[in-house]
């Protein structure tokens, strides 16, 4: 089997590399590999027009990759993606400001409330079961509560 020399890298290699980076972006999303895929595709497209030596191809790919990642980070840091559900993956935070009934009494600062079909550990002043509590914050997944007056 013949060895593939480094000098034989051509446009198809860059397009295959772009496809591999695109697939990686789908498997490991994070808006990083897509910019490497774009840089590889640009190098492949440029090779249609001009035949660069391999060292120039690799240098061009490196520069385009760094520039694309830098530009995307800068853009997305200034233009944050807005969502209609900012607390979607922060369930405990979504309960702050709401009132619930204690399922188990708070004894020595700890008790439980039931929200839907889930029991949540709460921290607050000692209170009997059935007391209404207001969630004021969270700490490591534990709801901080105070008695409702």
N, C-alpha and C. Protein backbone atom coordinates (compact mmCIF):
# COMPACT_ATOMS: atom_id res chain seq x y z
N UNK A 1 0.85 -1.19 0.00
CA UNK A 1 0.00 0.00 0.00
C UNK A 1 0.89 1.24 0.00
N UNK A 2 0.71 2.13 -0.94
CA UNK A 2 1.59 3.31 -1.03
C UNK A 2 1.31 4.29 0.10
N UNK A 3 2.38 4.97 0.52
CA UNK A 3 2.23 6.01 1.55
C UNK A 3 1.65 7.26 0.91
N UNK A 4 0.76 7.89 1.64
CA UNK A 4 0.19 9.15 1.14
C UNK A 4 1.14 10.25 1.59
N UNK A 5 1.75 10.88 0.65
CA UNK A 5 2.69 11.96 0.96
C UNK A 5 1.91 13.21 1.35
N UNK A 6 2.52 14.01 2.18
CA UNK A 6 1.89 15.25 2.63
C UNK A 6 1.64 16.18 1.44
N UNK A 7 2.43 16.06 0.40
CA UNK A 7 2.27 16.92 -0.76
C UNK A 7 1.01 16.61 -1.56
N UNK A 8 0.37 15.49 -1.30
CA UNK A 8 -0.79 15.08 -2.07
C UNK A 8 -2.11 15.60 -1.51
N UNK A 9 -2.03 16.43 -0.49
CA UNK A 9 -3.27 16.99 0.07
C UNK A 9 -3.86 17.94 -0.97
N UNK A 10 -5.12 17.71 -1.30
CA UNK A 10 -5.78 18.53 -2.30
C UNK A 10 -7.10 19.04 -1.79
N UNK A 11 -7.87 19.59 -2.72
CA UNK A 11 -9.15 20.19 -2.33
C UNK A 11 -10.11 19.17 -1.73
N UNK A 12 -10.08 17.93 -2.24
CA UNK A 12 -11.00 16.93 -1.70
C UNK A 12 -10.69 16.63 -0.24
N UNK A 13 -9.45 16.65 0.12
CA UNK A 13 -9.06 16.42 1.52
C UNK A 13 -9.66 17.49 2.42
N UNK A 14 -9.61 18.73 1.96
CA UNK A 14 -10.16 19.82 2.77
C UNK A 14 -11.68 19.73 2.86
N UNK A 15 -12.33 19.31 1.79
CA UNK A 15 -13.79 19.19 1.82
C UNK A 15 -14.21 18.01 2.70
N UNK A 16 -13.46 16.93 2.66
CA UNK A 16 -13.75 15.81 3.56
C UNK A 16 -13.53 16.24 5.00
N UNK A 17 -12.46 16.99 5.25
CA UNK A 17 -12.20 17.51 6.60
C UNK A 17 -13.34 18.43 7.04
N UNK A 18 -13.84 19.25 6.12
CA UNK A 18 -14.97 20.13 6.44
C UNK A 18 -16.20 19.30 6.81
N UNK A 19 -16.45 18.22 6.07
CA UNK A 19 -17.59 17.35 6.38
C UNK A 19 -17.41 16.69 7.74
N UNK A 20 -16.19 16.25 8.04
CA UNK A 20 -15.93 15.61 9.35
C UNK A 20 -16.18 16.61 10.47
N UNK A 21 -15.69 17.85 10.31
CA UNK A 21 -15.94 18.87 11.33
C UNK A 21 -17.43 19.18 11.44
N UNK A 22 -18.14 19.19 10.32
CA UNK A 22 -19.59 19.42 10.36
C UNK A 22 -20.32 18.32 11.11
N UNK A 23 -19.91 17.08 10.89
CA UNK A 23 -20.52 15.96 11.62
C UNK A 23 -20.19 16.04 13.10
N UNK A 24 -18.94 16.42 13.42
CA UNK A 24 -18.57 16.60 14.82
C UNK A 24 -19.42 17.66 15.50
N UNK A 25 -19.73 18.72 14.77
CA UNK A 25 -20.58 19.78 15.33
C UNK A 25 -21.98 19.24 15.65
N UNK A 26 -22.47 18.33 14.82
CA UNK A 26 -23.77 17.73 15.08
C UNK A 26 -23.73 16.80 16.29
N UNK A 27 -22.63 16.08 16.43
CA UNK A 27 -22.51 15.12 17.54
C UNK A 27 -22.14 15.79 18.85
N UNK A 28 -21.32 16.82 18.78
CA UNK A 28 -20.85 17.52 19.98
C UNK A 28 -21.13 19.01 19.78
N UNK A 29 -22.40 19.42 19.90
CA UNK A 29 -22.72 20.82 19.62
C UNK A 29 -22.05 21.77 20.60
N UNK A 30 -21.67 22.89 20.11
CA UNK A 30 -21.05 23.89 20.95
C UNK A 30 -20.60 25.08 20.14
N UNK A 31 -20.99 25.13 18.87
CA UNK A 31 -20.67 26.23 17.96
C UNK A 31 -19.16 26.46 17.92
N UNK A 32 -18.42 25.38 17.71
CA UNK A 32 -16.98 25.48 17.59
C UNK A 32 -16.50 24.79 16.33
N UNK A 33 -16.89 23.53 16.16
CA UNK A 33 -16.44 22.77 15.00
C UNK A 33 -16.98 23.32 13.69
N UNK A 34 -18.11 24.02 13.75
CA UNK A 34 -18.69 24.56 12.52
C UNK A 34 -17.76 25.58 11.89
N UNK A 35 -17.02 26.33 12.72
CA UNK A 35 -16.10 27.33 12.19
C UNK A 35 -14.86 26.66 11.58
N UNK A 36 -14.44 25.55 12.16
CA UNK A 36 -13.34 24.79 11.57
C UNK A 36 -13.78 24.19 10.24
N UNK A 37 -15.03 23.73 10.19
CA UNK A 37 -15.58 23.19 8.94
C UNK A 37 -15.62 24.27 7.87
N UNK A 38 -16.03 25.47 8.24
CA UNK A 38 -16.08 26.57 7.28
C UNK A 38 -14.68 26.92 6.77
N UNK A 39 -13.71 26.94 7.68
CA UNK A 39 -12.33 27.25 7.27
C UNK A 39 -11.80 26.19 6.31
N UNK A 40 -12.06 24.92 6.60
CA UNK A 40 -11.60 23.84 5.71
C UNK A 40 -12.29 23.94 4.35
N UNK A 41 -13.57 24.27 4.34
CA UNK A 41 -14.30 24.40 3.08
C UNK A 41 -13.76 25.57 2.25
N UNK A 42 -13.40 26.67 2.91
CA UNK A 42 -12.85 27.81 2.19
C UNK A 42 -11.50 27.44 1.56
N UNK A 43 -10.67 26.74 2.32
CA UNK A 43 -9.38 26.31 1.77
C UNK A 43 -9.63 25.39 0.57
N UNK A 44 -10.55 24.46 0.69
CA UNK A 44 -10.87 23.57 -0.43
C UNK A 44 -11.37 24.34 -1.64
N UNK A 45 -12.20 25.35 -1.41
CA UNK A 45 -12.73 26.15 -2.52
C UNK A 45 -11.62 26.98 -3.17
N UNK A 46 -10.72 27.51 -2.36
CA UNK A 46 -9.60 28.29 -2.92
C UNK A 46 -8.69 27.42 -3.79
N UNK A 47 -8.59 26.14 -3.44
CA UNK A 47 -7.75 25.23 -4.23
C UNK A 47 -8.34 24.95 -5.60
N UNK A 48 -9.61 25.26 -5.79
CA UNK A 48 -10.20 25.16 -7.13
C UNK A 48 -9.61 26.22 -8.06
N UNK A 49 -9.25 27.36 -7.48
CA UNK A 49 -8.78 28.48 -8.26
C UNK A 49 -7.25 28.53 -8.32
N UNK A 50 -6.60 28.35 -7.15
CA UNK A 50 -5.15 28.48 -7.06
C UNK A 50 -4.59 27.23 -6.40
N UNK A 51 -3.46 26.75 -6.88
CA UNK A 51 -2.82 25.57 -6.31
C UNK A 51 -1.75 26.03 -5.32
N UNK A 52 -2.09 25.98 -4.03
CA UNK A 52 -1.16 26.39 -2.98
C UNK A 52 -0.33 25.19 -2.53
N UNK A 53 0.91 25.46 -2.07
CA UNK A 53 1.67 24.38 -1.42
C UNK A 53 0.98 23.97 -0.12
N UNK A 54 1.29 22.78 0.36
CA UNK A 54 0.64 22.26 1.56
C UNK A 54 0.86 23.17 2.76
N UNK A 55 2.06 23.70 2.91
CA UNK A 55 2.33 24.57 4.07
C UNK A 55 1.44 25.81 4.05
N UNK A 56 1.20 26.35 2.87
CA UNK A 56 0.31 27.51 2.74
C UNK A 56 -1.13 27.10 3.05
N UNK A 57 -1.53 25.93 2.59
CA UNK A 57 -2.88 25.44 2.87
C UNK A 57 -3.12 25.31 4.37
N UNK A 58 -2.16 24.69 5.06
CA UNK A 58 -2.30 24.48 6.51
C UNK A 58 -2.28 25.83 7.23
N UNK A 59 -1.40 26.72 6.82
CA UNK A 59 -1.33 28.05 7.46
C UNK A 59 -2.63 28.82 7.22
N UNK A 60 -3.16 28.74 6.00
CA UNK A 60 -4.42 29.42 5.69
C UNK A 60 -5.56 28.84 6.51
N UNK A 61 -5.60 27.52 6.62
CA UNK A 61 -6.63 26.88 7.45
C UNK A 61 -6.52 27.33 8.90
N UNK A 62 -5.31 27.37 9.42
CA UNK A 62 -5.11 27.79 10.82
C UNK A 62 -5.56 29.23 11.02
N UNK A 63 -5.17 30.11 10.11
CA UNK A 63 -5.55 31.52 10.26
C UNK A 63 -7.06 31.71 10.13
N UNK A 64 -7.67 31.05 9.15
CA UNK A 64 -9.12 31.16 8.99
C UNK A 64 -9.87 30.59 10.19
N UNK A 65 -9.37 29.49 10.73
CA UNK A 65 -10.01 28.88 11.90
C UNK A 65 -9.98 29.81 13.09
N UNK A 66 -8.80 30.34 13.38
CA UNK A 66 -8.65 31.26 14.53
C UNK A 66 -9.51 32.50 14.32
N UNK A 67 -9.48 33.06 13.12
CA UNK A 67 -10.28 34.26 12.84
C UNK A 67 -11.77 33.98 12.98
N UNK A 68 -12.22 32.85 12.46
CA UNK A 68 -13.65 32.53 12.53
C UNK A 68 -14.11 32.29 13.97
N UNK A 69 -13.33 31.55 14.74
CA UNK A 69 -13.70 31.30 16.14
C UNK A 69 -13.68 32.61 16.92
N UNK A 70 -12.65 33.42 16.74
CA UNK A 70 -12.56 34.70 17.44
C UNK A 70 -13.74 35.61 17.09
N UNK A 71 -14.04 35.72 15.80
CA UNK A 71 -15.14 36.58 15.36
C UNK A 71 -16.49 36.09 15.90
N UNK A 72 -16.69 34.78 15.90
CA UNK A 72 -17.97 34.26 16.39
C UNK A 72 -18.10 34.48 17.89
N UNK A 73 -17.03 34.27 18.64
CA UNK A 73 -17.09 34.52 20.10
C UNK A 73 -17.38 35.98 20.38
N UNK A 74 -16.73 36.85 19.64
CA UNK A 74 -16.95 38.27 19.85
C UNK A 74 -18.39 38.66 19.50
N UNK A 75 -18.89 38.14 18.38
CA UNK A 75 -20.25 38.46 17.96
C UNK A 75 -21.27 37.96 18.98
N UNK A 76 -21.14 36.69 19.38
CA UNK A 76 -22.14 36.12 20.29
C UNK A 76 -22.03 36.67 21.70
N UNK A 77 -20.89 37.19 22.10
CA UNK A 77 -20.80 37.82 23.42
C UNK A 77 -21.54 39.16 23.44
N UNK A 78 -21.61 39.80 22.28
CA UNK A 78 -22.32 41.09 22.18
C UNK A 78 -23.78 40.94 21.82
N UNK A 79 -24.13 39.85 21.17
CA UNK A 79 -25.50 39.61 20.73
C UNK A 79 -26.00 38.30 21.33
N UNK A 80 -26.30 38.35 22.61
CA UNK A 80 -26.75 37.14 23.31
C UNK A 80 -28.05 36.63 22.71
N UNK A 81 -28.19 35.33 22.68
CA UNK A 81 -29.40 34.72 22.15
C UNK A 81 -30.48 34.81 23.23
N UNK A 82 -31.59 35.46 22.87
CA UNK A 82 -32.68 35.63 23.83
C UNK A 82 -33.64 34.45 23.71
N UNK A 83 -34.21 34.08 24.85
CA UNK A 83 -35.14 32.96 24.88
C UNK A 83 -36.38 33.37 25.65
N UNK A 84 -37.48 32.72 25.34
CA UNK A 84 -38.72 33.00 26.06
C UNK A 84 -38.79 32.19 27.36
N UNK A 85 -37.84 31.27 27.57
CA UNK A 85 -37.81 30.45 28.80
C UNK A 85 -36.38 30.42 29.34
N UNK A 86 -35.92 31.52 29.94
CA UNK A 86 -34.53 31.58 30.39
C UNK A 86 -34.20 30.60 31.52
N UNK A 87 -35.18 30.13 32.26
CA UNK A 87 -34.92 29.21 33.38
C UNK A 87 -35.28 27.77 33.03
N UNK A 88 -35.29 27.44 31.74
CA UNK A 88 -35.70 26.12 31.31
C UNK A 88 -34.90 25.00 31.97
N UNK A 89 -33.61 25.13 32.04
CA UNK A 89 -32.77 24.09 32.64
C UNK A 89 -32.35 24.43 34.07
N UNK A 90 -33.04 25.34 34.69
CA UNK A 90 -32.77 25.74 36.07
C UNK A 90 -34.07 25.66 36.86
N UNK A 91 -34.53 24.42 37.05
CA UNK A 91 -35.84 24.23 37.65
C UNK A 91 -35.95 24.87 39.03
N UNK A 92 -34.93 24.72 39.87
CA UNK A 92 -35.00 25.27 41.22
C UNK A 92 -35.19 26.78 41.16
N UNK A 93 -34.47 27.46 40.27
CA UNK A 93 -34.60 28.91 40.13
C UNK A 93 -36.00 29.31 39.69
N UNK A 94 -36.66 28.45 38.92
CA UNK A 94 -37.99 28.79 38.42
C UNK A 94 -39.04 28.82 39.53
N UNK A 95 -38.73 28.27 40.70
CA UNK A 95 -39.69 28.26 41.81
C UNK A 95 -39.53 29.44 42.75
N UNK A 96 -38.48 30.23 42.58
CA UNK A 96 -38.26 31.40 43.44
C UNK A 96 -39.41 32.37 43.27
N UNK A 97 -39.95 32.83 44.40
CA UNK A 97 -41.07 33.76 44.39
C UNK A 97 -42.44 33.09 44.47
N UNK A 98 -42.47 31.77 44.43
CA UNK A 98 -43.74 31.05 44.50
C UNK A 98 -43.98 30.52 45.91
N UNK A 99 -45.22 30.20 46.21
CA UNK A 99 -45.62 29.71 47.53
C UNK A 99 -46.08 28.26 47.40
N UNK A 100 -45.66 27.43 48.37
CA UNK A 100 -46.01 26.01 48.38
C UNK A 100 -46.36 25.59 49.80
N UNK A 101 -46.91 24.38 49.93
CA UNK A 101 -47.26 23.82 51.22
C UNK A 101 -46.24 22.76 51.59
N UNK A 102 -45.79 22.80 52.85
CA UNK A 102 -44.82 21.80 53.32
C UNK A 102 -45.44 20.41 53.34
N UNK A 103 -44.78 19.48 52.73
CA UNK A 103 -45.22 18.09 52.73
C UNK A 103 -44.70 17.40 53.99
N UNK A 104 -43.46 17.70 54.34
CA UNK A 104 -42.84 17.18 55.56
C UNK A 104 -42.36 18.39 56.36
N UNK A 105 -42.46 18.34 57.68
CA UNK A 105 -42.10 19.51 58.49
C UNK A 105 -40.63 19.87 58.34
N UNK A 106 -40.35 21.15 58.53
CA UNK A 106 -38.95 21.58 58.57
C UNK A 106 -38.47 21.37 60.00
N UNK A 107 -37.52 20.49 60.16
CA UNK A 107 -36.96 20.17 61.47
C UNK A 107 -35.44 20.34 61.37
N UNK A 108 -34.85 21.09 62.29
CA UNK A 108 -33.42 21.40 62.24
C UNK A 108 -33.04 22.07 60.91
N UNK A 109 -33.94 22.89 60.41
CA UNK A 109 -33.65 23.67 59.22
C UNK A 109 -33.92 22.98 57.89
N UNK A 110 -34.34 21.68 57.91
CA UNK A 110 -34.56 20.96 56.65
C UNK A 110 -35.95 20.32 56.64
N UNK A 111 -36.58 20.37 55.47
CA UNK A 111 -37.87 19.73 55.28
C UNK A 111 -38.08 19.47 53.80
N UNK A 112 -39.33 19.13 53.43
CA UNK A 112 -39.62 18.85 52.02
C UNK A 112 -40.96 19.44 51.62
N UNK A 113 -41.00 19.88 50.37
CA UNK A 113 -42.26 20.30 49.76
C UNK A 113 -42.46 19.43 48.52
N UNK A 114 -43.70 19.36 48.10
CA UNK A 114 -44.02 18.60 46.89
C UNK A 114 -44.43 19.60 45.82
N UNK A 115 -43.76 19.49 44.67
CA UNK A 115 -44.10 20.32 43.52
C UNK A 115 -44.38 19.35 42.38
N UNK A 116 -45.61 19.26 41.98
CA UNK A 116 -46.01 18.28 40.97
C UNK A 116 -45.83 16.89 41.55
N UNK A 117 -45.01 16.07 40.93
CA UNK A 117 -44.76 14.72 41.43
C UNK A 117 -43.37 14.57 42.03
N UNK A 118 -42.73 15.71 42.35
CA UNK A 118 -41.36 15.69 42.86
C UNK A 118 -41.29 16.30 44.25
N UNK A 119 -40.53 15.67 45.11
CA UNK A 119 -40.25 16.23 46.43
C UNK A 119 -38.98 17.06 46.34
N UNK A 120 -39.03 18.26 46.90
CA UNK A 120 -37.87 19.15 46.91
C UNK A 120 -37.44 19.38 48.35
N UNK A 121 -36.14 19.30 48.57
CA UNK A 121 -35.57 19.59 49.88
C UNK A 121 -35.60 21.10 50.07
N UNK A 122 -36.06 21.51 51.26
CA UNK A 122 -36.13 22.94 51.57
C UNK A 122 -35.33 23.24 52.82
N UNK A 123 -34.89 24.47 52.90
CA UNK A 123 -34.14 24.93 54.06
C UNK A 123 -34.80 26.19 54.56
N UNK A 124 -35.02 26.26 55.87
CA UNK A 124 -35.66 27.43 56.44
C UNK A 124 -35.94 27.23 57.91
N UNK A 125 -36.75 28.11 58.50
CA UNK A 125 -37.07 28.00 59.92
C UNK A 125 -37.96 26.77 60.17
N UNK A 126 -37.84 26.20 61.36
CA UNK A 126 -38.65 25.03 61.72
C UNK A 126 -40.14 25.37 61.62
N UNK A 127 -40.87 24.56 60.86
CA UNK A 127 -42.30 24.76 60.65
C UNK A 127 -42.97 23.40 60.57
N UNK A 128 -44.26 23.31 60.93
CA UNK A 128 -44.96 22.03 60.86
C UNK A 128 -45.38 21.69 59.43
N UNK A 129 -45.65 20.42 59.17
CA UNK A 129 -46.17 19.99 57.87
C UNK A 129 -47.49 20.69 57.62
N UNK A 130 -47.75 21.07 56.39
CA UNK A 130 -48.98 21.76 56.03
C UNK A 130 -48.85 23.27 56.05
N UNK A 131 -47.75 23.79 56.59
CA UNK A 131 -47.54 25.24 56.61
C UNK A 131 -47.20 25.73 55.21
N UNK A 132 -47.65 26.93 54.92
CA UNK A 132 -47.32 27.53 53.62
C UNK A 132 -45.97 28.22 53.72
N UNK A 133 -45.14 28.01 52.69
CA UNK A 133 -43.81 28.62 52.65
C UNK A 133 -43.62 29.33 51.32
N UNK A 134 -42.83 30.37 51.36
CA UNK A 134 -42.51 31.17 50.19
C UNK A 134 -41.05 30.91 49.84
N UNK A 135 -40.77 30.54 48.59
CA UNK A 135 -39.40 30.26 48.15
C UNK A 135 -38.71 31.58 47.87
N UNK A 136 -37.58 31.82 48.57
CA UNK A 136 -36.85 33.08 48.42
C UNK A 136 -35.55 32.93 47.64
N UNK A 137 -35.08 31.70 47.47
CA UNK A 137 -33.83 31.50 46.75
C UNK A 137 -33.50 30.03 46.65
N UNK A 138 -32.33 29.75 46.10
CA UNK A 138 -31.85 28.37 45.99
C UNK A 138 -30.38 28.32 46.35
N UNK A 139 -29.96 27.14 46.78
CA UNK A 139 -28.55 26.92 47.08
C UNK A 139 -28.24 25.45 46.83
N UNK A 140 -27.49 25.17 45.79
CA UNK A 140 -27.11 23.81 45.43
C UNK A 140 -28.32 22.89 45.26
N UNK A 141 -29.36 23.39 44.64
CA UNK A 141 -30.54 22.57 44.38
C UNK A 141 -31.51 22.49 45.55
N UNK A 142 -31.21 23.16 46.65
CA UNK A 142 -32.10 23.18 47.81
C UNK A 142 -32.85 24.51 47.78
N UNK A 143 -34.14 24.46 47.98
CA UNK A 143 -34.95 25.67 47.98
C UNK A 143 -34.89 26.34 49.36
N UNK A 144 -34.58 27.62 49.37
CA UNK A 144 -34.57 28.40 50.61
C UNK A 144 -35.96 28.99 50.77
N UNK A 145 -36.57 28.73 51.95
CA UNK A 145 -37.95 29.17 52.15
C UNK A 145 -38.08 29.97 53.43
N UNK A 146 -39.19 30.69 53.50
CA UNK A 146 -39.58 31.39 54.73
C UNK A 146 -41.08 31.20 54.91
N UNK A 147 -41.50 31.33 56.13
CA UNK A 147 -42.92 31.13 56.43
C UNK A 147 -43.76 32.25 55.81
N UNK A 148 -44.95 31.87 55.33
CA UNK A 148 -45.88 32.86 54.80
C UNK A 148 -46.65 33.42 55.97
N UNK A 149 -46.73 34.70 56.07
CA UNK A 149 -47.42 35.35 57.20
C UNK A 149 -48.88 35.55 56.87
